[in-house]
Each structure stands twice: as structure tokens, then as C-alpha cells.
Amino acid sequence: MRRFFLGAFDDLLDAFHRVMPRARLHAFAGIFLAGALTWWIYVPIHELLHVLGCVATGGTVYRLEIGPAYGAALLAKVFSFVAVGSDYPGQLTGFDTGGSDLIYIVTVFAPYLLTVLCGVPLLRSLGRGGEDSTYDRFLFGASIPLAFAPFMNVLGDFYELASIPLSRIAAALVGSADPARWRSDDLAKLAGTLFEDSVRFSDLSTLSAGGVLAVLLTFATYRLGAWFHDLVSRRGTADQSLTG
């Protein structure tokens, strides 16, 4: 349980101590700049992976909003479904899953394959050689947005992910309710809408359960990345033993 809930933060501190054996102001600045640059690049890639997840599983996308600061104008020239401007850095606002929850789940989760396959393995592998490397410090800054993207979106994409099965259960229990009532990529905004006039038990219980499940899915995604890193590391060690 400790590894499940605290492993991500342990990995962050361990990597920091490996790549920063001595505190240097310019090194902190480099880490920050690497993280900021990676985030700027990551946002449109993240949103396009939502699109890819939807289309690859049989869905349709007709509107993806991206903030102007993240290259939306350029992307709009390449992709007809990209719209310039959003209330968020980026948001997939127009897509059709054909009523398939599986397509919906893949659409929401697709960008977090970068966390599992790249972000977490990169974070956990940095500084293993024991060298005080500027390159490793740059990669450390770059790895943070990738590895910790799920935690930044726990009340966004991960609530939406949790709400897909939970809304089906809630709709079945309530009877005629539409599952879409409890589905959103912004839990706070959804709660404000549902609780504006009155608080219904079905709304409160579904949103609360969704929030809890979102947190669990967030940590589970990071742990999946840690498992993938360990798997690759073991295979690499085994291959070296065989060739040696």
C-alpha cells in the first residue's frame, strides 16, 4: 500500500538526489525550464492522443480546442477539427463514441500511455550512473510533466475515466437517468452545475465515488509505469547476462 500511494513521490525524490548531488541555482533553473518546455510541447500532443485514441477505436472527432499559446493556430492549418481557443490548455469538446464505453475509455486514457511508457521509466532511470550530469538534470525536468500528468488531471480526465462505469451503475439504479449526467472532464465544474439548486443523493454519491476512483486510477497508472520500467530493466539485465 505504501508503494502504491507513495511510490511516485519516492521516485521523484530519489531521482532528484541522484541528478542533484549538490544544490546549484543554475541547475534548478535548468530543471524548471526543461519542465516548462516539455509541458508546452506535451499539451497539444496530449490532446492529439485523445483524438488518436478515439479514431483508432472507431469513434469520430469533430472539435478539439487548444489554447493559442500551445500552437493552436498552426495545428488548425494541419487538422480541420482543431479550434483555436479553449477554457483549458486543451479540451476535446466534440467527439462521438457511437455509445461505446470502451471507445470512450480509450479516448480518455490514450494520452497517459506517455506516462506509462516514457515518463515513469525515464524518471526512475535517471542518474543511475552516479554522474553529475547536466543532461540528466534536463531530462529530470522533462520527465516531470510526463510522469506526473495523471496527478495533474485527477479531477479532469481521471474523474471522466472513473465516471464512465460509475455513471452506468448510477443510471441503472436511478432508472431513467442519462449516464451523461455524471460524465465530465471537470469534476469541480460538474459539481457546481448539479448542486446549483439542490443536492440529490444520486448526484452526491456518484460524484463522490467518482472522485475516489479517480484518485485510485491515478496512482494505478503511475504504478503501471513503474511496473513497465521494472519489466524492461529486468529484461535488459537478463540480455546482458546472456551476452556476457
Protein backbone atom coordinates (compact mmCIF):
# COMPACT_ATOMS: atom_id res chain seq x y z
CA MET A 1 0.00 0.00 0.00
CA ARG A 2 2.84 2.38 0.79
CA ARG A 3 4.46 1.71 -2.57
CA PHE A 4 1.11 2.20 -4.32
CA PHE A 5 0.41 5.60 -2.77
CA LEU A 6 3.89 6.98 -2.08
CA GLY A 7 6.00 5.29 -4.75
CA ALA A 8 5.62 8.22 -7.16
CA PHE A 9 6.89 10.71 -4.62
CA ASP A 10 9.69 8.39 -3.53
CA ASP A 11 10.77 8.09 -7.17
CA LEU A 12 10.72 11.87 -7.56
CA LEU A 13 12.93 12.44 -4.51
CA ASP A 14 15.29 9.60 -5.40
CA ALA A 15 15.75 10.91 -8.94
CA PHE A 16 16.26 14.44 -7.63
CA HIS A 17 19.01 13.34 -5.24
CA ARG A 18 20.71 11.34 -7.98
CA VAL A 19 20.79 14.16 -10.54
CA MET A 20 21.39 16.94 -7.99
CA PRO A 21 24.13 15.77 -5.60
CA ARG A 22 24.90 19.44 -4.95
CA ALA A 23 22.43 22.33 -4.86
CA ARG A 24 23.10 24.87 -7.60
CA LEU A 25 20.84 27.75 -8.52
CA HIS A 26 21.52 27.48 -12.25
CA ALA A 27 20.74 23.76 -12.12
CA PHE A 28 17.35 24.44 -10.53
CA ALA A 29 16.67 26.99 -13.25
CA GLY A 30 17.58 24.43 -15.92
CA ILE A 31 15.24 21.85 -14.42
CA PHE A 32 12.41 24.38 -14.33
CA LEU A 33 12.97 25.47 -17.93
CA ALA A 34 13.12 21.86 -19.13
CA GLY A 35 9.84 21.12 -17.35
CA ALA A 36 8.14 24.22 -18.75
CA LEU A 37 9.31 23.50 -22.31
CA THR A 38 8.18 19.88 -22.06
CA TRP A 39 4.76 20.94 -20.76
CA TRP A 40 4.36 23.37 -23.68
CA ILE A 41 5.10 20.59 -26.15
CA TYR A 42 3.16 17.98 -24.20
CA VAL A 43 -0.21 19.78 -24.11
CA PRO A 44 -1.01 19.59 -27.86
CA ILE A 45 0.43 16.07 -28.07
CA HIS A 46 -1.76 15.04 -25.14
CA GLU A 47 -4.86 16.39 -26.85
CA LEU A 48 -4.00 14.80 -30.19
CA LEU A 49 -3.57 11.45 -28.43
CA HIS A 50 -7.16 11.80 -27.19
CA VAL A 51 -8.11 12.17 -30.83
CA LEU A 52 -5.98 9.21 -31.89
CA GLY A 53 -7.48 7.01 -29.17
CA CYS A 54 -10.98 7.88 -30.30
CA VAL A 55 -10.43 7.47 -34.04
CA ALA A 56 -8.30 4.32 -33.73
CA THR A 57 -11.10 2.52 -31.86
CA GLY A 58 -13.87 3.56 -34.23
CA GLY A 59 -15.01 6.91 -32.86
CA THR A 60 -15.33 10.24 -34.60
CA VAL A 61 -13.78 13.58 -33.69
CA TYR A 62 -15.06 16.90 -34.94
CA ARG A 63 -13.77 19.52 -32.48
CA LEU A 64 -10.58 19.80 -30.46
CA GLU A 65 -9.98 23.12 -28.70
CA ILE A 66 -6.41 24.17 -27.93
CA GLY A 67 -5.21 27.37 -26.30
CA PRO A 68 -3.42 29.86 -28.58
CA ALA A 69 -0.23 29.64 -26.51
CA TYR A 70 0.18 25.97 -27.43
CA GLY A 71 0.40 26.36 -31.19
CA ALA A 72 -3.31 26.04 -31.91
CA ALA A 73 -3.19 28.30 -34.97
CA LEU A 74 -0.52 26.13 -36.60
CA LEU A 75 -2.30 22.90 -35.71
CA ALA A 76 -5.57 24.26 -37.11
CA LYS A 77 -3.89 24.51 -40.50
CA VAL A 78 -2.98 20.83 -40.33
CA PHE A 79 -6.07 19.35 -38.66
CA SER A 80 -9.53 20.52 -39.66
CA PHE A 81 -11.01 19.60 -36.27
CA VAL A 82 -8.68 21.87 -34.27
CA ALA A 83 -10.21 25.09 -32.99
CA VAL A 84 -8.15 27.98 -31.62
CA GLY A 85 -9.09 28.93 -28.07
CA SER A 86 -10.20 26.99 -25.02
CA ASP A 87 -11.16 27.47 -21.37
CA TYR A 88 -8.35 25.00 -20.66
CA PRO A 89 -4.90 24.47 -22.22
CA GLY A 90 -6.70 21.95 -24.42
CA GLN A 91 -10.00 20.10 -24.45
CA LEU A 92 -11.65 17.54 -26.72
CA THR A 93 -15.14 19.02 -26.87
CA GLY A 94 -16.59 17.33 -29.94
CA PHE A 95 -16.38 13.57 -30.35
CA ASP A 96 -18.73 10.64 -30.90
CA THR A 97 -18.11 7.18 -29.48
CA GLY A 98 -21.25 5.70 -31.00
CA GLY A 99 -22.44 4.88 -27.50
CA SER A 100 -19.44 2.64 -26.82
CA ASP A 101 -17.98 2.94 -23.32
CA LEU A 102 -14.87 1.08 -24.47
CA ILE A 103 -14.15 3.70 -27.14
CA TYR A 104 -14.81 6.40 -24.54
CA ILE A 105 -12.35 4.82 -22.08
CA VAL A 106 -9.62 4.51 -24.72
CA THR A 107 -10.23 8.10 -25.84
CA VAL A 108 -9.76 9.44 -22.32
CA PHE A 109 -6.83 7.24 -21.33
CA ALA A 110 -4.77 7.26 -24.55
CA PRO A 111 -2.51 10.24 -23.64
CA TYR A 112 -1.43 8.56 -20.42
CA LEU A 113 0.37 5.87 -22.34
CA LEU A 114 3.14 8.50 -22.44
CA THR A 115 3.23 8.34 -18.65
CA VAL A 116 3.39 4.55 -18.61
CA LEU A 117 5.81 4.03 -21.49
CA CYS A 118 8.01 7.14 -21.25
CA GLY A 119 7.53 9.41 -18.26
CA VAL A 120 7.80 7.00 -15.34
CA PRO A 121 10.57 4.83 -16.86
CA LEU A 122 12.59 7.96 -17.66
CA LEU A 123 12.20 9.37 -14.14
CA ARG A 124 13.18 6.09 -12.50
CA SER A 125 16.23 5.55 -14.70
CA LEU A 126 17.90 8.95 -14.36
CA GLY A 127 21.24 9.34 -12.64
CA ARG A 128 21.87 5.63 -12.19
CA GLY A 129 25.44 6.05 -13.36
CA GLY A 130 26.26 8.32 -10.43
CA GLU A 131 27.49 11.17 -12.64
CA ASP A 132 26.70 14.83 -12.01
CA SER A 133 25.24 15.33 -15.49
CA THR A 134 23.63 18.46 -16.92
CA TYR A 135 21.92 16.21 -19.46
CA ASP A 136 20.33 14.13 -16.69
CA ARG A 137 19.11 17.27 -14.95
CA PHE A 138 17.49 18.42 -18.18
CA LEU A 139 15.83 15.03 -18.58
CA PHE A 140 14.71 15.15 -14.96
CA GLY A 141 12.85 18.40 -15.60
CA ALA A 142 11.42 16.99 -18.82
CA SER A 143 10.25 13.79 -17.14
CA ILE A 144 8.11 15.51 -14.50
CA PRO A 145 5.21 16.64 -16.75
CA LEU A 146 5.17 13.22 -18.41
CA ALA A 147 5.39 11.11 -15.26
CA PHE A 148 3.03 13.23 -13.16
CA ALA A 149 0.44 14.11 -15.80
CA PRO A 150 -2.15 11.80 -14.16
CA PHE A 151 -1.85 13.69 -10.86
CA MET A 152 -2.35 16.99 -12.68
CA ASN A 153 -5.56 15.62 -14.19
CA VAL A 154 -7.05 13.66 -11.30
CA LEU A 155 -10.20 15.84 -11.24
CA GLY A 156 -10.24 16.10 -15.03
CA ASP A 157 -9.51 13.15 -17.29
CA PHE A 158 -9.28 10.67 -14.44
CA TYR A 159 -12.63 11.67 -13.00
CA GLU A 160 -14.05 11.33 -16.51
CA LEU A 161 -12.46 7.89 -16.80
CA ALA A 162 -13.94 6.82 -13.46
CA SER A 163 -17.33 8.27 -14.31
CA ILE A 164 -17.81 6.04 -17.36
CA PRO A 165 -18.55 2.79 -15.48
CA LEU A 166 -19.95 4.53 -12.39
CA SER A 167 -22.45 6.54 -14.41
CA ARG A 168 -23.76 3.30 -15.95
CA ILE A 169 -24.28 1.86 -12.49
CA ALA A 170 -25.93 5.04 -11.23
CA ALA A 171 -28.22 5.21 -14.26
CA ALA A 172 -29.29 1.61 -13.73
CA LEU A 173 -30.06 2.27 -10.06
CA VAL A 174 -31.92 5.54 -10.66
CA GLY A 175 -33.85 4.15 -13.59
CA SER A 176 -34.37 6.66 -16.38
CA ALA A 177 -31.32 8.85 -15.74
CA ASP A 178 -28.89 9.51 -18.59
CA PRO A 179 -25.30 8.40 -17.76
CA ALA A 180 -24.04 11.61 -19.38
CA ARG A 181 -25.40 13.47 -16.36
CA TRP A 182 -22.37 12.39 -14.31
CA ARG A 183 -19.72 12.43 -17.05
CA SER A 184 -17.33 15.33 -17.39
CA ASP A 185 -13.64 16.17 -17.66
CA ASP A 186 -14.03 18.79 -14.89
CA LEU A 187 -15.38 17.44 -11.60
CA ALA A 188 -15.50 20.84 -9.90
CA LYS A 189 -17.48 22.41 -12.76
CA LEU A 190 -19.85 19.44 -12.91
CA ALA A 191 -20.46 19.56 -9.15
CA GLY A 192 -21.22 23.28 -9.37
CA THR A 193 -23.80 22.60 -12.08
CA LEU A 194 -25.50 19.64 -10.38
CA PHE A 195 -25.58 21.22 -6.93
CA GLU A 196 -26.57 24.71 -8.04
CA ASP A 197 -30.21 24.43 -6.95
CA SER A 198 -30.34 21.31 -4.78
CA VAL A 199 -28.28 18.30 -3.72
CA ARG A 200 -29.57 14.92 -4.83
CA PHE A 201 -28.26 11.77 -3.20
CA SER A 202 -27.66 10.11 -6.56
CA ASP A 203 -25.53 13.04 -7.71
CA LEU A 204 -23.58 13.34 -4.46
CA SER A 205 -22.87 9.61 -4.18
CA THR A 206 -21.89 9.20 -7.85
CA LEU A 207 -19.57 12.20 -7.88
CA SER A 208 -18.01 11.19 -4.56
CA ALA A 209 -17.42 7.63 -5.75
CA GLY A 210 -16.03 9.01 -9.00
CA GLY A 211 -13.58 11.22 -7.13
CA VAL A 212 -12.32 8.32 -5.03
CA LEU A 213 -11.99 6.02 -8.05
CA ALA A 214 -10.23 8.79 -9.98
CA VAL A 215 -7.57 9.03 -7.27
CA LEU A 216 -7.07 5.26 -7.28
CA LEU A 217 -6.80 5.17 -11.08
CA THR A 218 -4.26 7.99 -10.97
CA PHE A 219 -1.94 6.08 -8.64
CA ALA A 220 -2.58 2.84 -10.54
CA THR A 221 -1.47 4.50 -13.79
CA TYR A 222 1.80 5.59 -12.22
CA ARG A 223 2.33 2.10 -10.76
CA LEU A 224 1.72 0.63 -14.22
CA GLY A 225 4.55 2.82 -15.49
CA ALA A 226 6.78 1.62 -12.64
CA TRP A 227 5.92 -1.99 -13.47
CA PHE A 228 6.78 -1.39 -17.13
CA HIS A 229 10.13 0.16 -16.16
CA ASP A 230 10.96 -2.80 -13.91
CA LEU A 231 9.99 -5.24 -16.65
CA VAL A 232 12.22 -3.54 -19.22
CA SER A 233 15.07 -3.27 -16.71
CA ARG A 234 14.89 -6.98 -15.85
CA ARG A 235 14.88 -7.94 -19.50
CA GLY A 236 17.84 -5.67 -20.17
CA THR A 237 19.77 -7.22 -17.28
CA ALA A 238 18.90 -10.73 -18.48
CA ASP A 239 20.04 -9.92 -22.03
CA GLN A 240 23.35 -8.56 -20.72
CA SER A 241 23.88 -11.74 -18.68
CA LEU A 242 23.25 -13.91 -21.72
CA THR A 243 25.58 -11.92 -23.98
CA GLY A 244 28.20 -11.75 -21.23
